[in-house]
Amino acid sequence: TIREINKISQAMNSQVEKLMEEIALFVVKQRIDVLRD
């Protein structure tokens, strides 16, 4: 059970990190694209 709970915790952290990356990418890319141009 502990192993299963740890796997679920890792999956949750991974999902939260993915969400954070999506939000961050939207904010960061918008501003760096100005410099790219």
PDB file of all heavy atoms in Angstrom:
ATOM      1  N   THR A   1       0.830  -1.214   0.000  1.00  0.00           N
ATOM      2  CA  THR A   1       0.000   0.000   0.000  1.00  0.00           C
ATOM      3  C   THR A   1       0.862   1.261   0.000  1.00  0.00           C
ATOM      4  O   THR A   1       0.574   2.221  -0.723  1.00  0.00           O
ATOM      5  CB  THR A   1      -0.936   0.006   1.237  1.00  0.00           C
ATOM      6  OG1 THR A   1      -1.732  -1.177   1.198  1.00  0.00           O
ATOM      7  CG2 THR A   1      -1.847   1.225   1.249  1.00  0.00           C
ATOM      8  N   ILE A   2       1.931   1.243   0.825  1.00  0.00           N
ATOM      9  CA  ILE A   2       2.829   2.416   0.894  1.00  0.00           C
ATOM     10  C   ILE A   2       3.437   2.699  -0.486  1.00  0.00           C
ATOM     11  O   ILE A   2       3.512   3.846  -0.923  1.00  0.00           O
ATOM     12  CB  ILE A   2       3.934   2.212   1.959  1.00  0.00           C
ATOM     13  CG1 ILE A   2       3.321   2.319   3.364  1.00  0.00           C
ATOM     14  CG2 ILE A   2       5.059   3.225   1.799  1.00  0.00           C
ATOM     15  CD1 ILE A   2       4.250   1.903   4.478  1.00  0.00           C
ATOM     16  N   ARG A   3       3.846   1.600  -1.167  1.00  0.00           N
ATOM     17  CA  ARG A   3       4.430   1.786  -2.509  1.00  0.00           C
ATOM     18  C   ARG A   3       3.406   2.397  -3.467  1.00  0.00           C
ATOM     19  O   ARG A   3       3.723   3.277  -4.254  1.00  0.00           O
ATOM     20  CB  ARG A   3       4.948   0.457  -3.048  1.00  0.00           C
ATOM     21  CG  ARG A   3       6.276   0.022  -2.438  1.00  0.00           C
ATOM     22  CD  ARG A   3       6.974  -1.023  -3.288  1.00  0.00           C
ATOM     23  NE  ARG A   3       6.253  -2.288  -3.303  1.00  0.00           N
ATOM     24  CZ  ARG A   3       6.417  -3.250  -2.388  1.00  0.00           C
ATOM     25  NH1 ARG A   3       7.270  -3.069  -1.374  1.00  0.00           N
ATOM     26  NH2 ARG A   3       5.745  -4.384  -2.465  1.00  0.00           N
ATOM     27  N   GLU A   4       2.160   1.918  -3.382  1.00  0.00           N
ATOM     28  CA  GLU A   4       1.104   2.439  -4.256  1.00  0.00           C
ATOM     29  C   GLU A   4       0.813   3.911  -3.946  1.00  0.00           C
ATOM     30  O   GLU A   4       0.639   4.726  -4.849  1.00  0.00           O
ATOM     31  CB  GLU A   4      -0.170   1.607  -4.087  1.00  0.00           C
ATOM     32  CG  GLU A   4      -0.104   0.250  -4.776  1.00  0.00           C
ATOM     33  CD  GLU A   4      -1.406  -0.549  -4.626  1.00  0.00           C
ATOM     34  OE1 GLU A   4      -2.442   0.080  -4.333  1.00  0.00           O
ATOM     35  OE2 GLU A   4      -1.364  -1.765  -4.806  1.00  0.00           O
ATOM     36  N   ILE A   5       0.757   4.230  -2.629  1.00  0.00           N
ATOM     37  CA  ILE A   5       0.493   5.622  -2.220  1.00  0.00           C
ATOM     38  C   ILE A   5       1.619   6.538  -2.705  1.00  0.00           C
ATOM     39  O   ILE A   5       1.375   7.655  -3.173  1.00  0.00           O
ATOM     40  CB  ILE A   5       0.299   5.711  -0.684  1.00  0.00           C
ATOM     41  CG1 ILE A   5      -1.076   5.148  -0.316  1.00  0.00           C
ATOM     42  CG2 ILE A   5       0.448   7.143  -0.182  1.00  0.00           C
ATOM     43  CD1 ILE A   5      -1.342   4.993   1.169  1.00  0.00           C
ATOM     44  N   ASN A   6       2.877   6.060  -2.595  1.00  0.00           N
ATOM     45  CA  ASN A   6       4.023   6.850  -3.076  1.00  0.00           C
ATOM     46  C   ASN A   6       3.941   7.089  -4.586  1.00  0.00           C
ATOM     47  O   ASN A   6       4.255   8.174  -5.082  1.00  0.00           O
ATOM     48  CB  ASN A   6       5.342   6.161  -2.727  1.00  0.00           C
ATOM     49  CG  ASN A   6       5.666   6.271  -1.251  1.00  0.00           C
ATOM     50  OD1 ASN A   6       5.137   7.153  -0.569  1.00  0.00           O
ATOM     51  ND2 ASN A   6       6.512   5.393  -0.742  1.00  0.00           N
ATOM     52  N   LYS A   7       3.523   6.048  -5.328  1.00  0.00           N
ATOM     53  CA  LYS A   7       3.368   6.197  -6.783  1.00  0.00           C
ATOM     54  C   LYS A   7       2.301   7.244  -7.111  1.00  0.00           C
ATOM     55  O   LYS A   7       2.469   8.067  -8.012  1.00  0.00           O
ATOM     56  CB  LYS A   7       2.964   4.855  -7.411  1.00  0.00           C
ATOM     57  CG  LYS A   7       4.112   3.891  -7.618  1.00  0.00           C
ATOM     58  CD  LYS A   7       3.607   2.600  -8.243  1.00  0.00           C
ATOM     59  CE  LYS A   7       4.723   1.555  -8.324  1.00  0.00           C
ATOM     60  NZ  LYS A   7       4.202   0.260  -8.791  1.00  0.00           N
ATOM     61  N   ILE A   8       1.202   7.201  -6.337  1.00  0.00           N
ATOM     62  CA  ILE A   8       0.128   8.181  -6.546  1.00  0.00           C
ATOM     63  C   ILE A   8       0.629   9.589  -6.219  1.00  0.00           C
ATOM     64  O   ILE A   8       0.336  10.543  -6.942  1.00  0.00           O
ATOM     65  CB  ILE A   8      -1.112   7.814  -5.680  1.00  0.00           C
ATOM     66  CG1 ILE A   8      -1.783   6.555  -6.257  1.00  0.00           C
ATOM     67  CG2 ILE A   8      -2.114   8.967  -5.629  1.00  0.00           C
ATOM     68  CD1 ILE A   8      -2.829   5.920  -5.359  1.00  0.00           C
ATOM     69  N   SER A   9       1.418   9.725  -5.125  1.00  0.00           N
ATOM     70  CA  SER A   9       1.984  11.038  -4.751  1.00  0.00           C
ATOM     71  C   SER A   9       2.893  11.565  -5.851  1.00  0.00           C
ATOM     72  O   SER A   9       2.854  12.754  -6.209  1.00  0.00           O
ATOM     73  CB  SER A   9       2.780  10.934  -3.448  1.00  0.00           C
ATOM     74  OG  SER A   9       1.928  10.627  -2.382  1.00  0.00           O
ATOM     75  N   GLN A  10       3.727  10.671  -6.407  1.00  0.00           N
ATOM     76  CA  GLN A  10       4.616  11.075  -7.497  1.00  0.00           C
ATOM     77  C   GLN A  10       3.831  11.506  -8.731  1.00  0.00           C
ATOM     78  O   GLN A  10       4.170  12.487  -9.389  1.00  0.00           O
ATOM     79  CB  GLN A  10       5.561   9.922  -7.851  1.00  0.00           C
ATOM     80  CG  GLN A  10       6.673   9.704  -6.836  1.00  0.00           C
ATOM     81  CD  GLN A  10       7.477   8.448  -7.103  1.00  0.00           C
ATOM     82  OE1 GLN A  10       7.268   7.764  -8.102  1.00  0.00           O
ATOM     83  NE2 GLN A  10       8.392   8.130  -6.209  1.00  0.00           N
ATOM     84  N   ALA A  11       2.764  10.736  -9.030  1.00  0.00           N
ATOM     85  CA  ALA A  11       1.919  11.079 -10.179  1.00  0.00           C
ATOM     86  C   ALA A  11       1.257  12.435  -9.969  1.00  0.00           C
ATOM     87  O   ALA A  11       1.163  13.251 -10.899  1.00  0.00           O
ATOM     88  CB  ALA A  11       0.863  10.001 -10.397  1.00  0.00           C
ATOM     89  N   MET A  12       0.818  12.692  -8.717  1.00  0.00           N
ATOM     90  CA  MET A  12       0.187  13.985  -8.395  1.00  0.00           C
ATOM     91  C   MET A  12       1.190  15.125  -8.555  1.00  0.00           C
ATOM     92  O   MET A  12       0.892  16.143  -9.188  1.00  0.00           O
ATOM     93  CB  MET A  12      -0.360  13.956  -6.970  1.00  0.00           C
ATOM     94  CG  MET A  12      -1.067  15.241  -6.567  1.00  0.00           C
ATOM     95  SD  MET A  12      -1.640  15.238  -4.855  1.00  0.00           S
ATOM     96  CE  MET A  12      -0.092  15.468  -3.984  1.00  0.00           C
ATOM     97  N   ASN A  13       2.406  14.935  -7.975  1.00  0.00           N
ATOM     98  CA  ASN A  13       3.450  15.967  -8.097  1.00  0.00           C
ATOM     99  C   ASN A  13       3.801  16.229  -9.549  1.00  0.00           C
ATOM    100  O   ASN A  13       3.997  17.373  -9.963  1.00  0.00           O
ATOM    101  CB  ASN A  13       4.705  15.554  -7.322  1.00  0.00           C
ATOM    102  CG  ASN A  13       4.482  15.551  -5.826  1.00  0.00           C
ATOM    103  OD1 ASN A  13       3.588  16.238  -5.335  1.00  0.00           O
ATOM    104  ND2 ASN A  13       5.258  14.770  -5.089  1.00  0.00           N
ATOM    105  N   SER A  14       3.864  15.144 -10.326  1.00  0.00           N
ATOM    106  CA  SER A  14       4.180  15.267 -11.753  1.00  0.00           C
ATOM    107  C   SER A  14       3.096  16.065 -12.479  1.00  0.00           C
ATOM    108  O   SER A  14       3.394  16.929 -13.313  1.00  0.00           O
ATOM    109  CB  SER A  14       4.318  13.870 -12.356  1.00  0.00           C
ATOM    110  OG  SER A  14       4.547  13.953 -13.732  1.00  0.00           O
ATOM    111  N   GLN A  15       1.837  15.791 -12.132  1.00  0.00           N
ATOM    112  CA  GLN A  15       0.706  16.496 -12.752  1.00  0.00           C
ATOM    113  C   GLN A  15       0.714  17.974 -12.366  1.00  0.00           C
ATOM    114  O   GLN A  15       0.473  18.849 -13.204  1.00  0.00           O
ATOM    115  CB  GLN A  15      -0.599  15.844 -12.286  1.00  0.00           C
ATOM    116  CG  GLN A  15      -1.826  16.193 -13.108  1.00  0.00           C
ATOM    117  CD  GLN A  15      -1.996  15.289 -14.306  1.00  0.00           C
ATOM    118  OE1 GLN A  15      -1.486  14.192 -14.305  1.00  0.00           O
ATOM    119  NE2 GLN A  15      -2.694  15.759 -15.316  1.00  0.00           N
ATOM    120  N   VAL A  16       1.017  18.264 -11.080  1.00  0.00           N
ATOM    121  CA  VAL A  16       1.072  19.661 -10.607  1.00  0.00           C
ATOM    122  C   VAL A  16       2.222  20.394 -11.295  1.00  0.00           C
ATOM    123  O   VAL A  16       2.077  21.544 -11.735  1.00  0.00           O
ATOM    124  CB  VAL A  16       1.216  19.719  -9.061  1.00  0.00           C
ATOM    125  CG1 VAL A  16       1.538  21.135  -8.595  1.00  0.00           C
ATOM    126  CG2 VAL A  16      -0.043  19.215  -8.383  1.00  0.00           C
ATOM    127  N   GLU A  17       3.390  19.725 -11.410  1.00  0.00           N
ATOM    128  CA  GLU A  17       4.547  20.337 -12.075  1.00  0.00           C
ATOM    129  C   GLU A  17       4.248  20.619 -13.546  1.00  0.00           C
ATOM    130  O   GLU A  17       4.659  21.648 -14.084  1.00  0.00           O
ATOM    131  CB  GLU A  17       5.770  19.423 -11.945  1.00  0.00           C
ATOM    132  CG  GLU A  17       6.450  19.524 -10.595  1.00  0.00           C
ATOM    133  CD  GLU A  17       7.618  18.564 -10.428  1.00  0.00           C
ATOM    134  OE1 GLU A  17       8.051  17.999 -11.447  1.00  0.00           O
ATOM    135  OE2 GLU A  17       8.058  18.386  -9.287  1.00  0.00           O
ATOM    136  N   LYS A  18       3.541  19.681 -14.188  1.00  0.00           N
ATOM    137  CA  LYS A  18       3.166  19.873 -15.599  1.00  0.00           C
ATOM    138  C   LYS A  18       2.259  21.085 -15.751  1.00  0.00           C
ATOM    139  O   LYS A  18       2.409  21.895 -16.672  1.00  0.00           O
ATOM    140  CB  LYS A  18       2.475  18.610 -16.113  1.00  0.00           C
ATOM    141  CG  LYS A  18       2.293  18.597 -17.621  1.00  0.00           C
ATOM    142  CD  LYS A  18       1.603  17.329 -18.079  1.00  0.00           C
ATOM    143  CE  LYS A  18       1.341  17.380 -19.587  1.00  0.00           C
ATOM    144  NZ  LYS A  18       0.549  16.224 -20.039  1.00  0.00           N
ATOM    145  N   LEU A  19       1.302  21.210 -14.808  1.00  0.00           N
ATOM    146  CA  LEU A  19       0.398  22.369 -14.820  1.00  0.00           C
ATOM    147  C   LEU A  19       1.187  23.663 -14.618  1.00  0.00           C
ATOM    148  O   LEU A  19       0.965  24.655 -15.323  1.00  0.00           O
ATOM    149  CB  LEU A  19      -0.659  22.205 -13.720  1.00  0.00           C
ATOM    150  CG  LEU A  19      -1.627  23.387 -13.517  1.00  0.00           C
ATOM    151  CD1 LEU A  19      -2.500  23.600 -14.746  1.00  0.00           C
ATOM    152  CD2 LEU A  19      -2.500  23.175 -12.282  1.00  0.00           C
ATOM    153  N   MET A  20       2.144  23.631 -13.656  1.00  0.00           N
ATOM    154  CA  MET A  20       2.984  24.809 -13.394  1.00  0.00           C
ATOM    155  C   MET A  20       3.781  25.186 -14.631  1.00  0.00           C
ATOM    156  O   MET A  20       3.913  26.354 -14.975  1.00  0.00           O
ATOM    157  CB  MET A  20       3.948  24.519 -12.230  1.00  0.00           C
ATOM    158  CG  MET A  20       3.302  24.526 -10.870  1.00  0.00           C
ATOM    159  SD  MET A  20       4.491  24.184  -9.556  1.00  0.00           S
ATOM    160  CE  MET A  20       5.356  25.735  -9.454  1.00  0.00           C
ATOM    161  N   GLU A  21       4.313  24.158 -15.315  1.00  0.00           N
ATOM    162  CA  GLU A  21       5.118  24.402 -16.517  1.00  0.00           C
ATOM    163  C   GLU A  21       4.270  25.028 -17.628  1.00  0.00           C
ATOM    164  O   GLU A  21       4.738  25.929 -18.336  1.00  0.00           O
ATOM    165  CB  GLU A  21       5.729  23.076 -17.005  1.00  0.00           C
ATOM    166  CG  GLU A  21       6.883  23.298 -17.963  1.00  0.00           C
ATOM    167  CD  GLU A  21       7.638  22.015 -18.270  1.00  0.00           C
ATOM    168  OE1 GLU A  21       8.034  21.303 -17.330  1.00  0.00           O
ATOM    169  OE2 GLU A  21       7.819  21.741 -19.464  1.00  0.00           O
ATOM    170  N   GLU A  22       3.031  24.559 -17.761  1.00  0.00           N
ATOM    171  CA  GLU A  22       2.135  25.121 -18.793  1.00  0.00           C
ATOM    172  C   GLU A  22       1.851  26.599 -18.521  1.00  0.00           C
ATOM    173  O   GLU A  22       1.897  27.435 -19.427  1.00  0.00           O
ATOM    174  CB  GLU A  22       0.818  24.339 -18.825  1.00  0.00           C
ATOM    175  CG  GLU A  22       0.920  22.977 -19.500  1.00  0.00           C
ATOM    176  CD  GLU A  22      -0.340  22.137 -19.333  1.00  0.00           C
ATOM    177  OE1 GLU A  22      -1.344  22.673 -18.814  1.00  0.00           O
ATOM    178  OE2 GLU A  22      -0.308  20.955 -19.721  1.00  0.00           O
ATOM    179  N   ILE A  23       1.548  26.908 -17.243  1.00  0.00           N
ATOM    180  CA  ILE A  23       1.269  28.300 -16.861  1.00  0.00           C
ATOM    181  C   ILE A  23       2.514  29.157 -17.068  1.00  0.00           C
ATOM    182  O   ILE A  23       2.455  30.247 -17.638  1.00  0.00           O
ATOM    183  CB  ILE A  23       0.809  28.391 -15.375  1.00  0.00           C
ATOM    184  CG1 ILE A  23      -0.459  27.565 -15.133  1.00  0.00           C
ATOM    185  CG2 ILE A  23       0.633  29.832 -14.932  1.00  0.00           C
ATOM    186  CD1 ILE A  23      -1.731  28.099 -15.727  1.00  0.00           C
ATOM    187  N   ALA A  24       3.668  28.625 -16.595  1.00  0.00           N
ATOM    188  CA  ALA A  24       4.934  29.369 -16.709  1.00  0.00           C
ATOM    189  C   ALA A  24       5.302  29.581 -18.173  1.00  0.00           C
ATOM    190  O   ALA A  24       5.734  30.677 -18.555  1.00  0.00           O
ATOM    191  CB  ALA A  24       6.043  28.617 -15.982  1.00  0.00           C
ATOM    192  N   LEU A  25       5.134  28.541 -19.002  1.00  0.00           N
ATOM    193  CA  LEU A  25       5.479  28.649 -20.433  1.00  0.00           C
ATOM    194  C   LEU A  25       4.667  29.758 -21.095  1.00  0.00           C
ATOM    195  O   LEU A  25       5.198  30.537 -21.894  1.00  0.00           O
ATOM    196  CB  LEU A  25       5.228  27.310 -21.131  1.00  0.00           C
ATOM    197  CG  LEU A  25       5.541  27.264 -22.627  1.00  0.00           C
ATOM    198  CD1 LEU A  25       7.011  27.534 -22.886  1.00  0.00           C
ATOM    199  CD2 LEU A  25       5.153  25.924 -23.227  1.00  0.00           C
ATOM    200  N   PHE A  26       3.392  29.837 -20.752  1.00  0.00           N
ATOM    201  CA  PHE A  26       2.530  30.872 -21.335  1.00  0.00           C
ATOM    202  C   PHE A  26       3.064  32.266 -20.990  1.00  0.00           C
ATOM    203  O   PHE A  26       3.144  33.149 -21.846  1.00  0.00           O
ATOM    204  CB  PHE A  26       1.091  30.707 -20.822  1.00  0.00           C
ATOM    205  CG  PHE A  26       0.152  31.774 -21.308  1.00  0.00           C
ATOM    206  CD1 PHE A  26      -0.322  31.767 -22.608  1.00  0.00           C
ATOM    207  CD2 PHE A  26      -0.247  32.803 -20.454  1.00  0.00           C
ATOM    208  CE1 PHE A  26      -1.175  32.772 -23.060  1.00  0.00           C
ATOM    209  CE2 PHE A  26      -1.103  33.803 -20.896  1.00  0.00           C
ATOM    210  CZ  PHE A  26      -1.572  33.785 -22.203  1.00  0.00           C
ATOM    211  N   VAL A  27       3.437  32.456 -19.709  1.00  0.00           N
ATOM    212  CA  VAL A  27       3.915  33.772 -19.247  1.00  0.00           C
ATOM    213  C   VAL A  27       5.303  34.083 -19.812  1.00  0.00           C
ATOM    214  O   VAL A  27       5.553  35.176 -20.326  1.00  0.00           O
ATOM    215  CB  VAL A  27       3.948  33.826 -17.693  1.00  0.00           C
ATOM    216  CG1 VAL A  27       4.529  35.147 -17.200  1.00  0.00           C
ATOM    217  CG2 VAL A  27       2.556  33.624 -17.126  1.00  0.00           C
ATOM    218  N   VAL A  28       6.217  33.092 -19.733  1.00  0.00           N
ATOM    219  CA  VAL A  28       7.625  33.307 -20.123  1.00  0.00           C
ATOM    220  C   VAL A  28       7.770  33.461 -21.639  1.00  0.00           C
ATOM    221  O   VAL A  28       8.426  34.386 -22.118  1.00  0.00           O
ATOM    222  CB  VAL A  28       8.514  32.142 -19.610  1.00  0.00           C
ATOM    223  CG1 VAL A  28       9.932  32.281 -20.122  1.00  0.00           C
ATOM    224  CG2 VAL A  28       8.500  32.099 -18.090  1.00  0.00           C
ATOM    225  N   LYS A  29       7.156  32.553 -22.395  1.00  0.00           N
ATOM    226  CA  LYS A  29       7.305  32.570 -23.865  1.00  0.00           C
ATOM    227  C   LYS A  29       6.818  33.890 -24.462  1.00  0.00           C
ATOM    228  O   LYS A  29       7.442  34.446 -25.370  1.00  0.00           O
ATOM    229  CB  LYS A  29       6.547  31.395 -24.483  1.00  0.00           C
ATOM    230  CG  LYS A  29       6.837  31.191 -25.972  1.00  0.00           C
ATOM    231  CD  LYS A  29       6.146  29.941 -26.492  1.00  0.00           C
ATOM    232  CE  LYS A  29       6.485  29.709 -27.958  1.00  0.00           C
ATOM    233  NZ  LYS A  29       6.010  30.781 -28.841  1.00  0.00           N
ATOM    234  N   GLN A  30       5.702  34.383 -23.919  1.00  0.00           N
ATOM    235  CA  GLN A  30       5.133  35.648 -24.393  1.00  0.00           C
ATOM    236  C   GLN A  30       6.178  36.776 -24.335  1.00  0.00           C
ATOM    237  O   GLN A  30       6.307  37.572 -25.270  1.00  0.00           O
ATOM    238  CB  GLN A  30       3.945  36.021 -23.494  1.00  0.00           C
ATOM    239  CG  GLN A  30       2.706  36.399 -24.256  1.00  0.00           C
ATOM    240  CD  GLN A  30       1.553  36.708 -23.303  1.00  0.00           C
ATOM    241  OE1 GLN A  30       1.715  36.831 -22.084  1.00  0.00           O
ATOM    242  NE2 GLN A  30       0.373  36.843 -23.849  1.00  0.00           N
ATOM    243  N   ARG A  31       6.926  36.804 -23.232  1.00  0.00           N
ATOM    244  CA  ARG A  31       7.885  37.898 -23.022  1.00  0.00           C
ATOM    245  C   ARG A  31       9.200  37.654 -23.755  1.00  0.00           C
ATOM    246  O   ARG A  31       9.804  38.592 -24.266  1.00  0.00           O
ATOM    247  CB  ARG A  31       8.124  38.074 -21.510  1.00  0.00           C
ATOM    248  CG  ARG A  31       6.966  38.781 -20.840  1.00  0.00           C
ATOM    249  CD  ARG A  31       6.800  38.470 -19.372  1.00  0.00           C
ATOM    250  NE  ARG A  31       5.677  39.220 -18.817  1.00  0.00           N
ATOM    251  CZ  ARG A  31       4.401  38.889 -18.972  1.00  0.00           C
ATOM    252  NH1 ARG A  31       4.090  37.804 -19.659  1.00  0.00           N
ATOM    253  NH2 ARG A  31       3.436  39.631 -18.455  1.00  0.00           N
ATOM    254  N   ILE A  32       9.629  36.394 -23.815  1.00  0.00           N
ATOM    255  CA  ILE A  32      10.891  36.102 -24.522  1.00  0.00           C
ATOM    256  C   ILE A  32      10.707  36.240 -26.041  1.00  0.00           C
ATOM    257  O   ILE A  32      11.646  36.608 -26.746  1.00  0.00           O
ATOM    258  CB  ILE A  32      11.432  34.711 -24.126  1.00  0.00           C
ATOM    259  CG1 ILE A  32      11.945  34.762 -22.677  1.00  0.00           C
ATOM    260  CG2 ILE A  32      12.546  34.250 -25.058  1.00  0.00           C
ATOM    261  CD1 ILE A  32      12.623  33.516 -22.169  1.00  0.00           C
ATOM    262  N   ASP A  33       9.499  35.987 -26.533  1.00  0.00           N
ATOM    263  CA  ASP A  33       9.233  36.153 -27.975  1.00  0.00           C
ATOM    264  C   ASP A  33       9.474  37.589 -28.437  1.00  0.00           C
ATOM    265  O   ASP A  33       9.870  37.823 -29.580  1.00  0.00           O
ATOM    266  CB  ASP A  33       7.803  35.728 -28.310  1.00  0.00           C
ATOM    267  CG  ASP A  33       7.668  34.210 -28.456  1.00  0.00           C
ATOM    268  OD1 ASP A  33       8.729  33.536 -28.534  1.00  0.00           O
ATOM    269  OD2 ASP A  33       6.539  33.689 -28.481  1.00  0.00           O
ATOM    270  N   VAL A  34       9.237  38.541 -27.550  1.00  0.00           N
ATOM    271  CA  VAL A  34       9.494  39.962 -27.881  1.00  0.00           C
ATOM    272  C   VAL A  34      10.989  40.152 -28.152  1.00  0.00           C
ATOM    273  O   VAL A  34      11.386  40.833 -29.110  1.00  0.00           O
ATOM    274  CB  VAL A  34       9.030  40.887 -26.725  1.00  0.00           C
ATOM    275  CG1 VAL A  34       9.388  42.337 -27.003  1.00  0.00           C
ATOM    276  CG2 VAL A  34       7.526  40.739 -26.511  1.00  0.00           C
ATOM    277  N   LEU A  35      11.845  39.526 -27.306  1.00  0.00           N
ATOM    278  CA  LEU A  35      13.304  39.609 -27.503  1.00  0.00           C
ATOM    279  C   LEU A  35      13.721  38.842 -28.754  1.00  0.00           C
ATOM    280  O   LEU A  35      14.620  39.265 -29.468  1.00  0.00           O
ATOM    281  CB  LEU A  35      14.027  39.045 -26.275  1.00  0.00           C
ATOM    282  CG  LEU A  35      14.037  39.914 -25.017  1.00  0.00           C
ATOM    283  CD1 LEU A  35      14.728  39.190 -23.881  1.00  0.00           C
ATOM    284  CD2 LEU A  35      14.725  41.233 -25.263  1.00  0.00           C
ATOM    285  N   ARG A  36      13.071  37.705 -29.001  1.00  0.00           N
ATOM    286  CA  ARG A  36      13.397  36.922 -30.206  1.00  0.00           C
ATOM    287  C   ARG A  36      13.155  37.742 -31.469  1.00  0.00           C
ATOM    288  O   ARG A  36      13.940  37.684 -32.415  1.00  0.00           O
ATOM    289  CB  ARG A  36      12.551  35.638 -30.244  1.00  0.00           C
ATOM    290  CG  ARG A  36      13.004  34.574 -29.242  1.00  0.00           C
ATOM    291  CD  ARG A  36      12.298  33.260 -29.493  1.00  0.00           C
ATOM    292  NE  ARG A  36      12.728  32.230 -28.556  1.00  0.00           N
ATOM    293  CZ  ARG A  36      11.983  31.748 -27.570  1.00  0.00           C
ATOM    294  NH1 ARG A  36      10.741  32.199 -27.391  1.00  0.00           N
ATOM    295  NH2 ARG A  36      12.445  30.816 -26.764  1.00  0.00           N
ATOM    296  N   ASP A  37      12.073  38.504 -31.486  1.00  0.00           N
ATOM    297  CA  ASP A  37      11.771  39.341 -32.652  1.00  0.00           C
ATOM    298  C   ASP A  37      12.792  40.464 -32.804  1.00  0.00           C
ATOM    299  O   ASP A  37      13.192  40.810 -33.911  1.00  0.00           O
ATOM    300  CB  ASP A  37      10.364  39.952 -32.524  1.00  0.00           C
ATOM    301  CG  ASP A  37       9.274  38.905 -32.729  1.00  0.00           C
ATOM    302  OD1 ASP A  37       9.586  37.836 -33.311  1.00  0.00           O
ATOM    303  OD2 ASP A  37       8.120  39.132 -32.303  1.00  0.00           O
TER     304      ASP A  37
END
